[in-house]
Protein backbone atom coordinates (compact mmCIF):
# COMPACT_ATOMS: atom_id res chain seq x y z
CA UNK A 1 81.00 -103.48 -148.83
CA UNK A 2 78.52 -101.24 -147.09
CA UNK A 3 76.28 -99.39 -149.55
CA UNK A 4 73.27 -98.64 -147.41
CA UNK A 5 74.27 -98.17 -143.78
CA UNK A 6 77.24 -97.08 -141.76
CA UNK A 7 79.64 -99.95 -141.01
CA UNK A 8 78.77 -101.98 -137.91
CA UNK A 9 75.28 -100.50 -137.63
CA UNK A 10 72.58 -103.04 -138.40
CA UNK A 11 69.57 -102.16 -140.58
CA UNK A 12 66.49 -100.84 -138.82
CA UNK A 13 63.85 -103.59 -138.74
CA UNK A 14 60.96 -101.18 -139.12
CA UNK A 15 62.53 -99.50 -142.15
CA UNK A 16 63.37 -102.68 -144.04
CA UNK A 17 60.03 -104.34 -143.23
CA UNK A 18 57.92 -101.40 -144.35
CA UNK A 19 56.12 -103.19 -147.19
CA UNK A 20 54.73 -106.70 -147.42
CA UNK A 21 53.74 -108.49 -150.63
CA UNK A 22 52.09 -111.84 -151.15
CA UNK A 23 53.88 -113.99 -153.71
CA UNK A 24 51.37 -113.44 -156.51
CA UNK A 25 51.67 -109.66 -156.23
CA UNK A 26 55.44 -109.64 -155.79
CA UNK A 27 56.23 -111.92 -158.72
CA UNK A 28 53.68 -110.15 -160.90
CA UNK A 29 55.26 -106.76 -160.20
CA UNK A 30 58.75 -108.24 -160.54
CA UNK A 31 57.92 -109.43 -164.05
CA UNK A 32 56.79 -105.93 -165.03
CA UNK A 33 59.93 -104.35 -163.55
CA UNK A 34 62.16 -106.81 -165.41
CA UNK A 35 60.41 -106.26 -168.75
CA UNK A 36 59.76 -102.51 -168.61
CA UNK A 37 62.31 -100.94 -166.25
CA UNK A 38 65.24 -103.28 -167.02
CA UNK A 39 64.21 -103.81 -170.67
CA UNK A 40 65.07 -107.50 -170.42
CA UNK A 41 63.71 -109.91 -173.02
CA UNK A 42 61.87 -112.50 -170.92
CA UNK A 43 62.72 -115.15 -173.51
CA UNK A 44 66.42 -114.78 -172.65
CA UNK A 45 66.07 -114.08 -168.92
CA UNK A 46 66.73 -116.63 -166.19
CA UNK A 47 65.88 -116.31 -162.49
CA UNK A 48 68.48 -117.13 -159.84
CA UNK A 49 67.37 -118.13 -156.36
CA UNK A 50 69.64 -117.22 -153.42
CA UNK A 51 67.52 -118.43 -150.54
CA UNK A 52 67.42 -121.20 -147.97
CA UNK A 53 66.31 -124.59 -149.41
CA UNK A 54 63.57 -124.93 -146.78
CA UNK A 55 60.41 -126.91 -147.44
CA UNK A 56 58.37 -123.98 -146.13
CA UNK A 57 59.50 -122.00 -149.19
CA UNK A 58 58.45 -124.58 -151.77
CA UNK A 59 55.59 -122.47 -153.14
CA UNK A 60 58.11 -119.96 -154.46
CA UNK A 61 59.45 -122.47 -156.96
CA UNK A 62 56.05 -122.57 -158.64
CA UNK A 63 55.96 -118.78 -158.88
CA UNK A 64 59.44 -118.73 -160.41
CA UNK A 65 58.27 -121.17 -163.10
CA UNK A 66 54.98 -119.35 -163.67
CA UNK A 67 56.74 -115.98 -163.99
CA UNK A 68 59.84 -116.84 -165.98
CA UNK A 69 58.84 -120.08 -167.69
CA UNK A 70 61.81 -121.89 -166.19
CA UNK A 71 63.02 -123.21 -162.87
CA UNK A 72 65.45 -120.90 -161.06
CA UNK A 73 69.18 -121.47 -161.11
CA UNK A 74 70.31 -122.26 -157.55
CA UNK A 75 72.72 -119.53 -156.49
CA UNK A 76 72.63 -119.92 -152.72
CA UNK A 77 73.27 -122.26 -149.82
CA UNK A 78 71.62 -123.09 -146.51
CA UNK A 79 71.10 -119.88 -144.57
CA UNK A 80 70.53 -117.89 -147.79
CA UNK A 81 74.28 -117.55 -148.19
CA UNK A 82 75.34 -116.36 -151.64
CA UNK A 83 77.35 -118.99 -153.49
CA UNK A 84 79.84 -116.79 -155.33
CA UNK A 85 81.08 -119.84 -157.27
CA UNK A 86 77.63 -120.18 -158.85
CA UNK A 87 77.69 -116.68 -160.38
CA UNK A 88 79.92 -117.59 -163.34
CA UNK A 89 77.93 -120.71 -164.35
CA UNK A 90 74.68 -118.76 -164.07
CA UNK A 91 76.07 -116.02 -166.31
CA UNK A 92 76.61 -118.61 -169.06
CA UNK A 93 73.01 -119.85 -168.95
CA UNK A 94 71.13 -116.73 -170.06
CA UNK A 95 71.52 -113.24 -171.51
CA UNK A 96 69.90 -111.65 -168.45
CA UNK A 97 69.79 -112.74 -164.82
CA UNK A 98 67.17 -111.88 -162.20
CA UNK A 99 68.30 -112.67 -158.66
CA UNK A 100 65.76 -113.12 -155.87
CA UNK A 101 67.59 -113.25 -152.56
CA UNK A 102 67.19 -113.06 -148.82
CA UNK A 103 66.84 -114.90 -145.55
CA UNK A 104 63.61 -116.19 -144.09
CA UNK A 105 61.91 -116.67 -140.77
CA UNK A 106 58.71 -118.40 -139.76
CA UNK A 107 55.49 -117.30 -138.14
CA UNK A 108 54.22 -119.38 -135.23
CA UNK A 109 50.47 -119.20 -135.83
CA UNK A 110 49.68 -120.49 -132.33
CA UNK A 111 51.96 -118.19 -130.33
CA UNK A 112 51.45 -115.42 -132.93
CA UNK A 113 55.13 -114.52 -133.05
CA UNK A 114 58.01 -114.65 -135.50
CA UNK A 115 60.86 -117.13 -135.29
CA UNK A 116 59.28 -120.58 -135.63
CA UNK A 117 57.21 -122.54 -138.14
CA UNK A 118 55.13 -125.68 -137.87
CA UNK A 119 56.91 -128.62 -139.54
CA UNK A 120 54.12 -130.93 -140.64
CA UNK A 121 56.47 -133.83 -141.41
CA UNK A 122 57.97 -133.50 -137.94
CA UNK A 123 54.69 -132.77 -136.21
CA UNK A 124 55.81 -129.75 -134.21
CA UNK A 125 57.24 -126.25 -134.23
CA UNK A 126 60.91 -125.54 -134.76
CA UNK A 127 63.19 -122.57 -135.39
CA UNK A 128 62.98 -120.89 -138.78
CA UNK A 129 65.54 -120.27 -140.19
CA UNK A 130 67.14 -123.23 -138.41
CA UNK A 131 70.60 -122.38 -139.72
CA UNK A 132 70.52 -118.81 -138.42
CA UNK A 133 68.99 -119.97 -135.14
CA UNK A 134 71.95 -122.32 -134.69
CA UNK A 135 74.40 -119.51 -135.40
CA UNK A 136 72.70 -117.21 -132.89
CA UNK A 137 72.16 -119.79 -130.12
CA UNK A 138 75.44 -119.43 -128.14
CA UNK A 139 75.23 -115.63 -128.32
CA UNK A 140 71.59 -115.55 -127.24
CA UNK A 141 72.27 -117.90 -124.32
CA UNK A 142 75.11 -115.70 -123.12
CA UNK A 143 72.97 -112.58 -123.43
CA UNK A 144 70.04 -114.14 -121.57
CA UNK A 145 72.42 -115.19 -118.80
CA UNK A 146 73.73 -111.62 -118.50
CA UNK A 147 70.24 -110.07 -118.55
CA UNK A 148 69.08 -112.31 -115.73
CA UNK A 149 72.30 -112.38 -113.69
CA UNK A 150 73.24 -108.70 -113.61
CA UNK A 151 71.14 -107.09 -110.88
CA UNK A 152 70.07 -103.49 -110.28
CA UNK A 153 69.33 -102.13 -106.82
CA UNK A 154 69.24 -98.82 -104.95
CA UNK A 155 71.02 -97.89 -101.72
CA UNK A 156 70.83 -94.44 -100.10
CA UNK A 157 69.64 -92.84 -103.33
CA UNK A 158 72.43 -94.35 -105.44
CA UNK A 159 71.89 -97.07 -108.04
CA UNK A 160 74.20 -100.08 -108.10
CA UNK A 161 74.90 -103.06 -110.34
CA UNK A 162 75.70 -106.50 -109.03
CA UNK A 163 77.71 -108.26 -111.76
CA UNK A 164 78.63 -111.99 -111.67
CA UNK A 165 82.34 -112.77 -111.58
CA UNK A 166 82.10 -114.76 -114.81
CA UNK A 167 81.08 -111.67 -116.76
CA UNK A 168 84.07 -109.81 -115.31
CA UNK A 169 86.58 -112.50 -116.22
CA UNK A 170 87.26 -113.27 -112.56
CA UNK A 171 85.78 -116.75 -112.61
CA UNK A 172 86.48 -119.15 -115.45
CA UNK A 173 83.73 -121.64 -116.08
CA UNK A 174 84.43 -125.22 -117.11
CA UNK A 175 81.49 -125.02 -119.51
CA UNK A 176 82.35 -124.23 -123.13
CA UNK A 177 81.43 -120.68 -124.06
CA UNK A 178 82.60 -120.09 -127.65
CA UNK A 179 81.13 -116.60 -127.58
CA UNK A 180 81.72 -114.64 -124.39
CA UNK A 181 79.83 -111.48 -123.46
CA UNK A 182 82.17 -108.67 -122.39
CA UNK A 183 80.71 -105.66 -120.64
CA UNK A 184 81.61 -102.15 -121.73
CA UNK A 185 83.13 -99.78 -119.13
CA UNK A 186 80.37 -97.26 -119.91
CA UNK A 187 78.01 -99.40 -117.86
CA UNK A 188 79.54 -98.35 -114.54
CA UNK A 189 80.90 -95.25 -112.82
CA UNK A 190 84.67 -95.04 -112.53
CA UNK A 191 87.31 -97.66 -113.26
CA UNK A 192 85.90 -101.21 -113.40
CA UNK A 193 89.22 -102.59 -112.18
CA UNK A 194 89.29 -100.54 -108.97
CA UNK A 195 85.78 -99.30 -108.19
CA UNK A 196 84.07 -102.63 -107.53
CA UNK A 197 83.24 -104.04 -104.11
CA UNK A 198 82.91 -107.70 -103.16
CA UNK A 199 80.66 -108.54 -100.21
CA UNK A 200 80.21 -111.54 -97.99
CA UNK A 201 76.56 -111.69 -98.99
CA UNK A 202 77.44 -111.99 -102.70
CA UNK A 203 80.92 -113.58 -102.94
CA UNK A 204 80.41 -114.60 -106.59
CA UNK A 205 79.74 -111.10 -107.84
CA UNK A 206 81.09 -107.55 -107.68
CA UNK A 207 79.06 -104.43 -106.92
CA UNK A 208 79.54 -101.22 -108.90
CA UNK A 209 77.75 -97.90 -108.98
CA UNK A 210 76.03 -97.41 -112.34
CA UNK A 211 77.29 -94.83 -114.80
CA UNK A 212 75.42 -91.49 -114.49
CA UNK A 213 74.23 -91.73 -118.11
CA UNK A 214 72.61 -95.10 -117.43
CA UNK A 215 71.07 -93.81 -114.22
CA UNK A 216 69.57 -90.83 -116.07
CA UNK A 217 68.20 -93.18 -118.74
CA UNK A 218 66.59 -95.38 -116.10
CA UNK A 219 65.07 -92.38 -114.36
CA UNK A 220 63.70 -91.05 -117.67
CA UNK A 221 61.94 -94.38 -118.20
CA UNK A 222 60.64 -94.24 -114.62
CA UNK A 223 62.27 -97.61 -114.02
CA UNK A 224 61.28 -98.96 -110.62
CA UNK A 225 64.48 -99.73 -108.70
CA UNK A 226 64.30 -100.81 -105.06
CA UNK A 227 66.63 -102.09 -102.34
CA UNK A 228 65.98 -105.62 -103.57
CA UNK A 229 68.30 -106.58 -106.46
CA UNK A 230 66.36 -107.25 -109.68
CA UNK A 231 67.60 -108.40 -113.13
CA UNK A 232 68.69 -105.63 -115.46
CA UNK A 233 66.72 -107.30 -118.27
CA UNK A 234 66.25 -105.37 -121.50
CA UNK A 235 68.10 -102.36 -120.08
CA UNK A 236 71.27 -104.24 -121.03
CA UNK A 237 71.30 -102.70 -124.50
CA UNK A 238 73.83 -103.49 -127.21
CA UNK A 239 75.81 -100.33 -126.39
CA UNK A 240 76.87 -101.86 -123.07
CA UNK A 241 78.56 -105.06 -124.26
CA UNK A 242 80.32 -106.91 -127.07
CA UNK A 243 81.00 -110.54 -127.82
CA UNK A 244 84.43 -112.14 -128.03
CA UNK A 245 85.02 -115.43 -129.82
CA UNK A 246 86.94 -117.29 -127.12
CA UNK A 247 86.92 -120.78 -128.58
CA UNK A 248 90.28 -122.15 -129.69
CA UNK A 249 88.51 -123.41 -132.81
CA UNK A 250 87.85 -120.98 -135.67
CA UNK A 251 84.38 -119.79 -136.57
CA UNK A 252 82.39 -122.86 -137.67
CA UNK A 253 81.28 -121.21 -140.94
CA UNK A 254 81.38 -117.97 -142.88
CA UNK A 255 77.88 -116.92 -141.84
CA UNK A 256 78.95 -116.97 -138.19
CA UNK A 257 82.15 -115.09 -139.02
CA UNK A 258 80.25 -112.32 -140.82
CA UNK A 259 77.52 -111.97 -138.21
CA UNK A 260 79.79 -112.13 -135.15
CA UNK A 261 80.74 -108.40 -135.04
CA UNK A 262 77.04 -107.45 -135.06
CA UNK A 263 75.67 -110.02 -132.63
CA UNK A 264 75.50 -107.61 -129.68
CA UNK A 265 72.99 -105.53 -131.64
CA UNK A 266 71.09 -108.54 -132.98
CA UNK A 267 70.38 -110.31 -129.68
CA UNK A 268 69.43 -107.08 -127.90
CA UNK A 269 67.01 -105.79 -130.55
CA UNK A 270 63.61 -104.99 -129.05
CA UNK A 271 61.37 -103.97 -131.95
CA UNK A 272 61.28 -107.49 -133.43
CA UNK A 273 62.30 -110.91 -132.10
CA UNK A 274 66.03 -111.65 -132.53
CA UNK A 275 65.17 -114.31 -135.13
CA UNK A 276 63.68 -111.66 -137.42
CA UNK A 277 66.59 -109.31 -136.73
CA UNK A 278 69.29 -111.84 -137.59
CA UNK A 279 67.42 -112.72 -140.80
CA UNK A 280 67.29 -109.05 -141.80
CA UNK A 281 70.96 -108.51 -140.98
CA UNK A 282 72.02 -111.61 -142.90
CA UNK A 283 69.93 -110.46 -145.88
CA UNK A 284 71.75 -107.10 -145.80
CA UNK A 285 75.20 -108.71 -145.56
CA UNK A 286 74.57 -111.17 -148.39
CA UNK A 287 73.14 -108.44 -150.62
CA UNK A 288 76.32 -106.42 -150.21
CA UNK A 289 78.39 -109.52 -151.03
CA UNK A 290 76.25 -109.98 -154.14
CA UNK A 291 76.87 -106.41 -155.36
CA UNK A 292 80.61 -106.75 -154.75
CA UNK A 293 80.71 -110.06 -156.63
CA UNK A 294 78.75 -108.79 -159.64
CA UNK A 295 81.11 -105.82 -159.93
CA UNK A 296 84.20 -108.03 -159.60
CA UNK A 297 83.48 -111.03 -161.85
CA UNK A 298 84.34 -110.39 -165.54
CA UNK A 299 81.97 -113.07 -166.87
CA UNK A 300 79.00 -111.00 -165.69
CA UNK A 301 80.01 -107.89 -167.65
CA UNK A 302 78.05 -108.71 -170.86
CA UNK A 303 74.95 -109.76 -168.91
CA UNK A 304 72.07 -107.69 -167.70
CA UNK A 305 71.56 -108.24 -163.97
CA UNK A 306 68.68 -107.28 -161.71
CA UNK A 307 68.65 -108.43 -158.11
CA UNK A 308 66.10 -107.94 -155.36
CA UNK A 309 66.80 -108.94 -151.79
CA UNK A 310 64.39 -109.14 -148.88
CA UNK A 311 62.98 -111.09 -145.97
CA UNK A 312 60.56 -113.95 -146.52
CA UNK A 313 58.15 -114.82 -143.71
CA UNK A 314 56.90 -118.39 -143.94
CA UNK A 315 53.28 -119.06 -142.99
CA UNK A 316 51.41 -122.26 -142.15
CA UNK A 317 47.68 -122.73 -142.79
CA UNK A 318 46.09 -125.89 -141.44
CA UNK A 319 42.95 -125.51 -143.56
CA UNK A 320 44.71 -125.38 -146.93
CA UNK A 321 45.52 -128.35 -149.16
CA UNK A 322 49.09 -127.08 -149.45
CA UNK A 323 49.76 -125.76 -145.98
CA UNK A 324 52.72 -123.42 -146.54
CA UNK A 325 52.66 -119.93 -147.97
CA UNK A 326 54.95 -116.90 -147.85
CA UNK A 327 55.02 -113.13 -147.80
CA UNK A 328 57.98 -111.11 -149.00
CA UNK A 329 59.47 -107.84 -147.71
CA UNK A 330 61.65 -106.30 -150.48
CA UNK A 331 64.57 -104.45 -148.89
CA UNK A 332 67.31 -103.78 -151.43
CA UNK A 333 67.78 -104.00 -155.19
CA UNK A 334 70.53 -103.76 -157.77
CA UNK A 335 70.42 -103.15 -161.51
CA UNK A 336 73.26 -103.43 -164.03
CA UNK A 337 72.43 -103.11 -167.73
CA UNK A 338 74.17 -105.51 -170.10
CA UNK A 339 77.68 -104.41 -171.01
CA UNK A 340 78.06 -101.96 -168.14
CA UNK A 341 80.60 -102.58 -165.42
CA UNK A 342 78.85 -100.67 -162.63
CA UNK A 343 75.26 -100.99 -161.44
CA UNK A 344 72.97 -98.93 -159.23
CA UNK A 345 71.88 -99.84 -155.72
CA UNK A 346 68.41 -99.19 -154.31
CA UNK A 347 67.45 -99.03 -150.65
CA UNK A 348 64.12 -100.05 -149.08
CA UNK A 349 62.13 -96.97 -150.11
CA UNK A 350 63.53 -96.98 -153.65
CA UNK A 351 62.77 -100.61 -154.44
CA UNK A 352 59.28 -100.37 -152.96
CA UNK A 353 58.56 -97.19 -154.92
CA UNK A 354 59.72 -98.96 -158.08
CA UNK A 355 57.48 -101.95 -157.42
CA UNK A 356 54.56 -99.66 -156.56
CA UNK A 357 54.84 -97.98 -159.96
CA UNK A 358 53.79 -101.22 -161.66
CA UNK A 359 50.54 -103.12 -161.45
CA UNK A 360 50.85 -106.90 -161.52
CA UNK A 361 49.74 -108.34 -164.88
CA UNK A 362 46.25 -109.79 -165.00
CA UNK A 363 47.45 -113.02 -166.53
CA UNK A 364 50.51 -115.16 -165.99
CA UNK A 365 51.83 -118.44 -167.30
CA UNK A 366 49.48 -121.14 -166.07
CA UNK A 367 51.02 -123.91 -164.01
CA UNK A 368 48.34 -126.20 -165.39
CA UNK A 369 49.59 -125.46 -168.90
CA UNK A 370 53.15 -126.25 -167.86
CA UNK A 371 52.09 -129.53 -166.29
CA UNK A 372 49.84 -130.48 -169.21
CA UNK A 373 52.74 -130.09 -171.63
CA UNK A 374 54.89 -132.35 -169.49
CA UNK A 375 52.14 -134.91 -168.85
CA UNK A 376 52.53 -136.13 -172.42
CA UNK A 377 54.54 -139.26 -172.93
CA UNK A 378 58.20 -138.38 -173.22
CA UNK A 379 59.76 -139.74 -176.41
CA UNK A 380 63.40 -139.17 -177.18
CA UNK A 381 66.25 -141.10 -178.66
CA UNK A 382 69.87 -140.78 -177.67
CA UNK A 383 72.31 -140.79 -180.53
CA UNK A 384 74.21 -144.05 -180.61
CA UNK A 385 77.94 -143.97 -181.05
């Protein structure tokens, strides 16, 4: 499955978000790539959209029509999950297929941060993508609890951790925790089953001396540690814990099942908000599923296929007539000429270099022209039996 990164290592946010395109530039360049690099006849080429059906992405539909002269075939589900069952029908609708894929997140223009978007029909801000936010919620809650509940303090020159019993499996909570955070032994010095000390002052936690490697890392950062216990916070990096699915029920959906092994890295990412990280990781996973499916499905063999996958950031502008807009971060691409069984995969630098080699065309199919043609009175007659 993994074409671009080592298994179980999530993509680097900064690498996959290196280039940003507005929709006009992206779709203009995409058209040139499809016609010149792929050698696809635009008259026999159909776009396929594998993205979340969110109202904040509505403007993209107009660009699909303006670029390809047709509405895109829907090849995805909520959460930008690839619908593998839609690949065969799509392959029977056109000679060439151009997939545009990827997850999305919103930009909160008031807080100036990623992860939320203003919903004008609701009259407030909410998570974006809502599906991925729902998947991440129990993991993020567990991580926030651990960050705030595990305490660091210093005693006689030695650094200690005070860890709540619940995170050690000593105390079972009556509250449902479908995803449980499990600490790695590398967090502490010695054997976690024998080295801990319980005190009368903190009967609901166990005190351990920190592992020397963690202590050296804290000292290198000049972390201020005193006699007063303070939350470990962001120092609880993904290397120090994993998540277990402890619910008796199975994973609620396939997106959760695929993301679960990587959640410790997602929730602890620091360079971007977790909402952007989970969107990038989901984009990467679904792209790899797409490549596997295209290689495996015989119906696709005679078709030319080009796919580009990336993160969409949804924007909201109060002053505009149509308030929503988007920018796109291309991250991965795939190209399979018609009749060939295997295609080539491009990483972030390769797809951006390819797009950079083309200038967007000066003209494109006018939406006004499309609407004018369809404004005419429709006259048709069904054949009577």
